[in-house]
Protein backbone atom coordinates (compact mmCIF):
# COMPACT_ATOMS: atom_id res chain seq x y z
CA UNK A 1 0.00 0.00 0.00
CA UNK A 2 1.42 3.40 -0.99
CA UNK A 3 1.54 6.49 1.18
CA UNK A 4 -1.19 8.21 -0.79
CA UNK A 5 -3.60 5.48 0.34
CA UNK A 6 -2.63 5.86 4.02
CA UNK A 7 -3.16 9.62 4.27
CA UNK A 8 -6.77 10.74 4.72
CA UNK A 9 -8.31 13.12 2.17
CA UNK A 10 -8.64 15.81 4.85
CA UNK A 11 -5.00 15.42 5.93
CA UNK A 12 -3.97 15.90 2.32
CA UNK A 13 -6.26 18.91 1.91
CA UNK A 14 -4.89 20.58 5.04
CA UNK A 15 -1.26 19.91 4.10
CA UNK A 16 -1.72 21.22 0.57
CA UNK A 17 -3.53 24.29 1.88
CA UNK A 18 -0.73 24.94 4.40
CA UNK A 19 1.95 24.81 1.73
CA UNK A 20 -0.18 27.00 -0.50
CA UNK A 21 0.34 29.88 1.94
CA UNK A 22 3.32 32.20 1.33
CA UNK A 23 3.80 32.17 5.11
CA UNK A 24 4.64 28.45 5.00
CA UNK A 25 8.01 29.22 3.41
CA UNK A 26 10.79 27.49 5.32
CA UNK A 27 8.55 24.78 6.75
CA UNK A 28 8.68 21.14 5.72
CA UNK A 29 6.43 18.20 6.56
CA UNK A 30 7.93 16.06 9.33
CA UNK A 31 6.94 13.22 11.66
CA UNK A 32 4.91 10.19 10.72
CA UNK A 33 3.18 11.89 7.80
CA UNK A 34 6.58 12.54 6.20
CA UNK A 35 7.51 8.88 6.50
CA UNK A 36 4.18 7.82 5.03
CA UNK A 37 4.18 10.36 2.20
CA UNK A 38 7.69 9.29 1.17
CA UNK A 39 6.58 5.62 1.07
CA UNK A 40 9.07 4.80 3.82
CA UNK A 41 6.64 3.18 6.27
CA UNK A 42 3.27 1.47 5.99
CA UNK A 43 1.11 2.83 8.78
CA UNK A 44 -1.42 5.57 9.43
CA UNK A 45 -0.95 8.77 11.41
CA UNK A 46 -3.37 11.14 13.07
CA UNK A 47 -1.48 14.42 12.88
CA UNK A 48 0.48 16.68 10.56
CA UNK A 49 3.80 18.12 11.73
CA UNK A 50 5.38 21.11 10.00
CA UNK A 51 8.80 22.27 11.16
CA UNK A 52 11.37 24.83 10.08
CA UNK A 53 15.01 25.31 11.00
CA UNK A 54 15.76 28.22 13.30
CA UNK A 55 15.91 31.46 11.35
CA UNK A 56 13.97 30.04 8.40
CA UNK A 57 10.42 30.90 9.54
CA UNK A 58 8.39 32.89 12.08
CA UNK A 59 5.82 30.76 13.91
CA UNK A 60 3.43 33.55 15.06
CA UNK A 61 3.17 34.89 11.50
CA UNK A 62 2.54 31.42 10.12
CA UNK A 63 -0.04 30.70 12.82
CA UNK A 64 -1.99 33.88 12.04
CA UNK A 65 -2.01 33.11 8.32
CA UNK A 66 -3.02 29.50 8.93
CA UNK A 67 -5.94 30.47 11.16
CA UNK A 68 -7.13 32.98 8.58
CA UNK A 69 -6.86 30.37 5.83
CA UNK A 70 -8.89 27.90 7.91
CA UNK A 71 -11.58 30.51 8.50
CA UNK A 72 -11.84 31.22 4.77
CA UNK A 73 -12.30 27.50 4.14
CA UNK A 74 -14.93 27.23 6.91
CA UNK A 75 -12.70 24.98 8.98
CA UNK A 76 -12.95 25.56 12.70
CA UNK A 77 -9.83 25.44 14.87
CA UNK A 78 -8.96 24.88 18.50
CA UNK A 79 -5.55 25.93 19.81
CA UNK A 80 -4.11 23.37 22.23
CA UNK A 81 -0.67 24.90 22.84
CA UNK A 82 0.82 28.16 21.67
CA UNK A 83 4.14 29.95 22.08
CA UNK A 84 6.55 31.80 19.82
CA UNK A 85 8.29 28.64 18.61
CA UNK A 86 5.63 25.94 18.68
CA UNK A 87 1.89 25.75 18.04
CA UNK A 88 -0.41 22.76 18.38
CA UNK A 89 -3.99 22.99 17.22
CA UNK A 90 -6.87 20.90 15.97
CA UNK A 91 -8.47 21.60 12.61
CA UNK A 92 -12.08 20.54 12.10
CA UNK A 93 -13.54 20.06 8.63
CA UNK A 94 -17.08 19.07 7.66
CA UNK A 95 -16.50 15.35 8.18
CA UNK A 96 -13.05 14.95 9.71
CA UNK A 97 -10.44 16.58 11.92
CA UNK A 98 -6.66 16.59 12.10
CA UNK A 99 -4.18 17.71 14.80
CA UNK A 100 -1.59 20.10 13.37
CA UNK A 101 1.78 21.10 14.85
CA UNK A 102 4.15 23.68 13.50
CA UNK A 103 7.28 24.95 15.10
CA UNK A 104 11.01 25.52 15.07
CA UNK A 105 13.39 22.58 15.04
CA UNK A 106 17.13 22.03 14.92
CA UNK A 107 18.90 22.33 11.59
CA UNK A 108 18.13 19.58 9.08
CA UNK A 109 21.12 17.59 7.86
CA UNK A 110 19.58 16.53 4.54
CA UNK A 111 17.65 18.61 1.98
CA UNK A 112 13.90 17.98 1.85
CA UNK A 113 12.18 16.01 -0.86
CA UNK A 114 8.84 16.79 -2.52
CA UNK A 115 5.88 14.46 -2.03
CA UNK A 116 2.18 14.71 -2.82
CA UNK A 117 1.77 16.57 0.49
CA UNK A 118 4.46 19.18 -0.23
CA UNK A 119 8.08 19.74 0.92
CA UNK A 120 8.89 16.77 3.12
CA UNK A 121 11.67 15.66 5.46
CA UNK A 122 13.98 13.29 3.56
CA UNK A 123 13.82 9.62 4.59
CA UNK A 124 17.51 9.63 5.55
CA UNK A 125 16.91 12.65 7.80
CA UNK A 126 14.05 10.80 9.45
CA UNK A 127 16.20 7.70 9.85
CA UNK A 128 18.45 9.46 12.34
CA UNK A 129 15.63 11.30 14.07
CA UNK A 130 13.44 8.22 14.48
CA UNK A 131 16.33 6.13 15.79
CA UNK A 132 16.88 8.79 18.45
CA UNK A 133 13.14 8.84 19.18
CA UNK A 134 13.23 5.09 19.80
CA UNK A 135 16.32 5.59 21.98
CA UNK A 136 14.58 8.21 24.09
CA UNK A 137 10.91 7.24 24.36
CA UNK A 138 10.34 3.78 22.74
CA UNK A 139 6.75 4.40 21.65
CA UNK A 140 5.08 1.72 19.51
CA UNK A 141 5.12 3.89 16.40
CA UNK A 142 8.86 4.49 16.86
CA UNK A 143 9.51 0.75 16.70
CA UNK A 144 7.44 0.42 13.55
CA UNK A 145 9.16 3.36 11.87
CA UNK A 146 12.67 2.19 12.74
CA UNK A 147 11.79 -1.33 11.58
CA UNK A 148 10.97 -0.02 8.10
CA UNK A 149 13.84 2.49 8.07
CA UNK A 150 16.38 -0.20 8.94
CA UNK A 151 15.17 -2.25 6.00
CA UNK A 152 15.73 0.76 3.77
CA UNK A 153 19.07 2.05 5.05
CA UNK A 154 20.54 -0.78 7.12
CA UNK A 155 21.01 -0.94 10.87
CA UNK A 156 24.52 0.47 10.94
CA UNK A 157 23.50 3.52 8.92
CA UNK A 158 20.73 4.27 11.43
CA UNK A 159 23.21 4.03 14.30
CA UNK A 160 25.66 6.32 12.50
CA UNK A 161 22.97 8.91 11.77
CA UNK A 162 21.74 8.87 15.36
CA UNK A 163 25.26 9.31 16.74
CA UNK A 164 25.93 12.12 14.27
CA UNK A 165 22.89 14.04 15.48
CA UNK A 166 23.25 13.33 19.21
CA UNK A 167 26.64 12.89 20.87
CA UNK A 168 24.84 11.37 23.86
CA UNK A 169 23.58 8.41 21.84
CA UNK A 170 24.67 5.32 23.78
CA UNK A 171 24.55 1.78 22.40
CA UNK A 172 24.07 0.23 25.82
CA UNK A 173 20.95 2.25 26.54
CA UNK A 174 19.80 1.78 22.95
CA UNK A 175 19.95 -1.99 23.45
CA UNK A 176 17.68 -1.62 26.48
CA UNK A 177 15.27 0.42 24.37
CA UNK A 178 15.22 -2.30 21.69
CA UNK A 179 14.23 -4.92 24.29
CA UNK A 180 11.13 -2.90 25.18
CA UNK A 181 9.51 -4.20 22.02
CA UNK A 182 8.65 -7.24 24.17
CA UNK A 183 6.72 -5.24 26.77
CA UNK A 184 3.60 -4.39 24.76
CA UNK A 185 0.82 -6.31 23.04
CA UNK A 186 0.73 -6.60 19.28
CA UNK A 187 -2.42 -4.48 19.05
CA UNK A 188 -0.45 -1.52 20.45
CA UNK A 189 1.73 -1.36 17.33
CA UNK A 190 0.54 0.30 14.10
CA UNK A 191 1.67 -2.65 11.97
CA UNK A 192 -0.09 -5.59 10.38
CA UNK A 193 -0.37 -8.76 12.44
CA UNK A 194 1.62 -10.77 9.89
CA UNK A 195 4.56 -8.33 10.24
CA UNK A 196 4.45 -8.03 14.02
CA UNK A 197 6.31 -11.26 14.87
CA UNK A 198 9.04 -10.44 12.36
CA UNK A 199 9.43 -6.96 13.83
CA UNK A 200 9.78 -8.29 17.39
CA UNK A 201 12.36 -10.85 16.25
CA UNK A 202 14.21 -8.15 14.32
CA UNK A 203 14.68 -5.90 17.36
CA UNK A 204 15.67 -8.75 19.66
CA UNK A 205 18.25 -9.94 17.14
CA UNK A 206 19.56 -6.39 16.75
CA UNK A 207 19.97 -6.09 20.52
CA UNK A 208 21.85 -9.40 20.58
CA UNK A 209 24.14 -8.23 17.77
CA UNK A 210 25.05 -5.05 19.64
CA UNK A 211 25.74 -6.95 22.87
CA UNK A 212 27.99 -9.41 21.03
CA UNK A 213 30.19 -6.64 19.67
CA UNK A 214 33.64 -6.47 21.33
């Protein structure tokens, strides 16, 4: 299944409308939607994340333009969190809703690509970021994303990218994070049941490989 089939029509409409604003300049699509739109992972996502490197965009200006654009389109909005560098809100359409984040992030190491949703974080950029996410919070979606990313780039490349972005990346603690794949039920993971067992085996084998290194 391709990414275009995993993104809802309203998510696509909101993303395209966002990138249609001049005030979106500097922002790129990030998070799970970026992985899906680039055909890197096969899962769904609820939200849309738009981020810009520091100095490339002004969040309050973008927020004001986005709210005005939503009003013109008869979409209602509810702001959940709001400061000068990060905004989280919910956008409500006639039949659907989508959480939207936009904010300032650290510098991106790889240039963005273009997908059907707009300027998008490159898969290799996400490979390092998602490996660090798994290292730090081990959420079910992080395991699924890293599982697919490792198949695309290889395990060692993911480790190298994570270490390049975060000097505090530690293989010992990462191994502990990998083992946490065993602590949840299969229904917690946004992955098909026929892929779940393979994913669990993959992370346990990866942990063993790291521990066996001299």
